[in-house]
Amino acid sequence: MSNEYNHTPGFPYPERSFPVHGGAPNGFQMLGEIETSRIRDYLSKRHGHEDQEAKQKRPNKKSWKQRTDMYMRPFQRNVFFSKRFIHAKVMHTGTSKVVSVATTNSKELRNTLPSWIDNEACRVIGRFKAERSKEADVFAVAFEAKKNERIEDRLAIVLDTIKDTYCLKSL
């Protein structure tokens, strides 16, 4: 019983010589190293067992919500309260471009408002943001609260003012 290969020039795979008595041996005994690894790769991929390198090369597949969210709710509200100022902006979800911004630190509002963080400042910011969104042809805006964020006090005033001014649709 010999496990020798006869190689024909010009032919990419060597010819296999089977023993005269007993037929082909069991398993992958007669196959070469390359062919054995190809079969193992095929069987492992077929049953969902990919090697780590292949998993790292393939990017993670996004869920349906991740893929469609930017089209279903294209504009997001973002409101930030610092100790001294209120910042509010409308951002396009797909392109991450800022459509409109309003802040109590702007030149227009800095000198006219008595306080930059009280309830009246929140109403003014809401009105400015609604007007600028209307100028940019934005008619539907979504606001998604963070994990432990409550919509109350100053945040509620800003969001309600935006919703009431120019009848912006809130998603």
Protein backbone atom coordinates (compact mmCIF):
# COMPACT_ATOMS: atom_id res chain seq x y z
CA MET A 1 0.00 0.00 0.00
CA SER A 2 1.67 3.15 -1.15
CA ASN A 3 0.52 6.73 -0.63
CA GLU A 4 2.54 8.15 -3.47
CA TYR A 5 1.28 10.79 -5.89
CA ASN A 6 2.13 10.81 -9.55
CA HIS A 7 2.28 14.38 -10.84
CA THR A 8 1.48 15.07 -14.48
CA PRO A 9 3.12 18.27 -15.78
CA GLY A 10 0.56 20.93 -16.80
CA PHE A 11 -2.18 19.39 -14.67
CA PRO A 12 -2.80 21.37 -11.43
CA TYR A 13 -3.63 18.41 -9.19
CA PRO A 14 -1.53 15.30 -8.79
CA GLU A 15 -2.98 11.97 -9.82
CA ARG A 16 -3.85 9.65 -6.96
CA SER A 17 -2.68 6.10 -7.00
CA PHE A 18 -4.86 3.72 -5.04
CA PRO A 19 -3.56 0.46 -3.72
CA VAL A 20 -4.35 -2.56 -5.84
CA HIS A 21 -5.91 -4.56 -3.05
CA GLY A 22 -8.52 -3.14 -0.69
CA GLY A 23 -9.68 -0.03 -2.62
CA ALA A 24 -9.45 3.50 -1.26
CA PRO A 25 -8.65 3.88 2.44
CA ASN A 26 -11.15 5.44 4.89
CA GLY A 27 -11.23 9.15 5.71
CA PHE A 28 -8.86 11.66 4.20
CA GLN A 29 -5.86 9.39 4.28
CA MET A 30 -5.17 9.56 0.54
CA LEU A 31 -5.94 13.25 0.10
CA GLY A 32 -3.15 15.76 0.17
CA GLU A 33 -2.66 18.45 2.81
CA ILE A 34 -4.18 21.22 0.65
CA GLU A 35 -7.28 19.23 -0.26
CA THR A 36 -7.84 18.14 3.33
CA SER A 37 -7.72 21.74 4.56
CA ARG A 38 -10.14 22.80 1.79
CA ILE A 39 -12.64 20.14 2.84
CA ARG A 40 -12.32 21.10 6.52
CA ASP A 41 -12.85 24.77 5.63
CA TYR A 42 -15.90 23.94 3.55
CA LEU A 43 -17.46 21.79 6.25
CA SER A 44 -16.78 24.29 9.02
CA LYS A 45 -18.26 27.22 7.04
CA ARG A 46 -21.22 25.11 6.02
CA HIS A 47 -22.12 24.47 9.64
CA GLY A 48 -21.58 28.08 10.74
CA HIS A 49 -18.14 27.68 12.29
CA GLU A 50 -15.96 30.35 10.74
CA ASP A 51 -12.45 31.03 11.82
CA GLN A 52 -11.73 34.19 13.80
CA GLU A 53 -9.90 35.95 10.96
CA ALA A 54 -12.91 35.67 8.67
CA LYS A 55 -15.20 37.06 11.37
CA GLN A 56 -12.93 40.04 11.93
CA LYS A 57 -12.77 40.86 8.22
CA ARG A 58 -16.56 40.79 7.82
CA PRO A 59 -18.26 43.92 9.18
CA ASN A 60 -21.11 43.52 11.65
CA LYS A 61 -24.51 43.34 10.06
CA LYS A 62 -26.81 46.18 11.08
CA SER A 63 -30.30 45.47 12.29
CA TRP A 64 -33.42 46.54 10.40
CA LYS A 65 -33.97 49.47 12.78
CA GLN A 66 -30.38 50.68 12.38
CA ARG A 67 -30.66 50.56 8.60
CA THR A 68 -34.05 52.26 8.29
CA ASP A 69 -34.04 54.67 11.23
CA MET A 70 -32.28 57.46 9.36
CA TYR A 71 -34.96 57.40 6.67
CA MET A 72 -37.97 57.02 8.95
CA ARG A 73 -36.90 59.78 11.34
CA PRO A 74 -34.47 61.90 9.34
CA PHE A 75 -34.22 64.88 11.71
CA GLN A 76 -33.28 64.63 15.39
CA ARG A 77 -33.53 67.27 18.11
CA ASN A 78 -30.63 67.74 20.44
CA VAL A 79 -30.96 69.95 23.52
CA PHE A 80 -28.09 70.51 25.93
CA PHE A 81 -28.17 72.48 29.19
CA SER A 82 -24.88 73.66 30.62
CA LYS A 83 -24.55 75.65 33.84
CA ARG A 84 -24.56 78.93 31.93
CA PHE A 85 -26.21 78.35 28.54
CA ILE A 86 -28.85 76.40 26.64
CA HIS A 87 -27.88 74.83 23.30
CA ALA A 88 -30.44 73.34 20.91
CA LYS A 89 -29.96 71.98 17.40
CA VAL A 90 -31.70 69.98 14.70
CA MET A 91 -29.49 67.42 12.98
CA HIS A 92 -30.04 65.28 9.89
CA THR A 93 -29.61 61.68 11.00
CA GLY A 94 -28.28 60.23 7.75
CA THR A 95 -25.66 62.84 6.94
CA SER A 96 -25.03 64.17 10.48
CA LYS A 97 -25.33 67.74 9.20
CA VAL A 98 -26.70 70.39 11.52
CA VAL A 99 -29.76 72.05 9.98
CA SER A 100 -30.54 74.68 12.61
CA VAL A 101 -28.98 75.87 15.85
CA ALA A 102 -30.16 78.11 18.66
CA THR A 103 -28.20 78.98 21.78
CA THR A 104 -28.43 81.58 24.53
CA ASN A 105 -24.74 82.30 23.95
CA SER A 106 -25.39 83.73 20.46
CA LYS A 107 -24.84 87.44 19.80
CA GLU A 108 -28.56 87.97 19.16
CA LEU A 109 -29.67 86.67 22.55
CA ARG A 110 -26.71 87.28 24.83
CA ASN A 111 -27.54 90.93 25.54
CA THR A 112 -31.34 90.77 25.35
CA LEU A 113 -32.13 87.98 27.82
CA PRO A 114 -32.00 88.74 31.56
CA SER A 115 -31.07 85.13 32.36
CA TRP A 116 -29.57 82.58 29.98
CA ILE A 117 -30.93 79.46 31.69
CA ASP A 118 -34.40 80.28 33.07
CA ASN A 119 -37.81 79.26 31.68
CA GLU A 120 -38.16 82.35 29.50
CA ALA A 121 -34.79 81.58 27.87
CA CYS A 122 -36.07 78.05 27.15
CA ARG A 123 -39.14 79.47 25.40
CA VAL A 124 -37.02 81.86 23.33
CA ILE A 125 -34.66 79.05 22.32
CA GLY A 126 -37.64 76.89 21.34
CA ARG A 127 -39.06 79.69 19.16
CA PHE A 128 -35.70 80.40 17.49
CA LYS A 129 -35.12 76.74 16.79
CA ALA A 130 -38.61 76.30 15.32
CA GLU A 131 -38.23 79.35 13.06
CA ARG A 132 -34.85 78.27 11.78
CA SER A 133 -36.07 74.72 11.18
CA LYS A 134 -39.02 76.11 9.22
CA GLU A 135 -36.62 78.19 7.09
CA ALA A 136 -34.61 75.03 6.36
CA ASP A 137 -37.81 73.18 5.24
CA VAL A 138 -37.85 70.80 8.20
CA PHE A 139 -41.43 69.94 9.17
CA ALA A 140 -41.03 66.76 11.22
CA VAL A 141 -38.50 66.40 14.01
CA ALA A 142 -37.89 63.50 16.42
CA PHE A 143 -36.54 63.65 19.94
CA GLU A 144 -35.24 60.51 21.59
CA ALA A 145 -34.54 60.86 25.28
CA LYS A 146 -31.39 59.33 26.69
CA LYS A 147 -31.50 56.30 28.96
CA ASN A 148 -32.27 57.97 32.30
CA GLU A 149 -33.43 61.34 30.96
CA ARG A 150 -36.83 62.65 31.96
CA ILE A 151 -38.73 65.10 29.81
CA GLU A 152 -39.61 67.69 32.43
CA ASP A 153 -38.80 71.23 33.54
CA ARG A 154 -36.65 73.17 31.09
CA LEU A 155 -36.40 70.36 28.53
CA ALA A 156 -40.19 70.05 28.41
CA ILE A 157 -40.54 73.82 27.94
CA VAL A 158 -38.11 73.82 24.98
CA LEU A 159 -39.76 70.81 23.32
CA ASP A 160 -43.31 72.12 23.82
CA THR A 161 -42.40 75.53 22.45
CA ILE A 162 -40.86 73.96 19.35
CA LYS A 163 -43.94 71.79 18.90
CA ASP A 164 -46.39 74.67 19.31
CA THR A 165 -44.52 77.19 17.15
CA TYR A 166 -45.28 76.76 13.45
CA CYS A 167 -47.07 73.47 14.18
CA LEU A 168 -43.96 71.33 13.82
CA LYS A 169 -44.83 67.66 13.86
CA SER A 170 -43.15 65.74 16.66
CA LEU A 171 -42.31 62.07 16.16
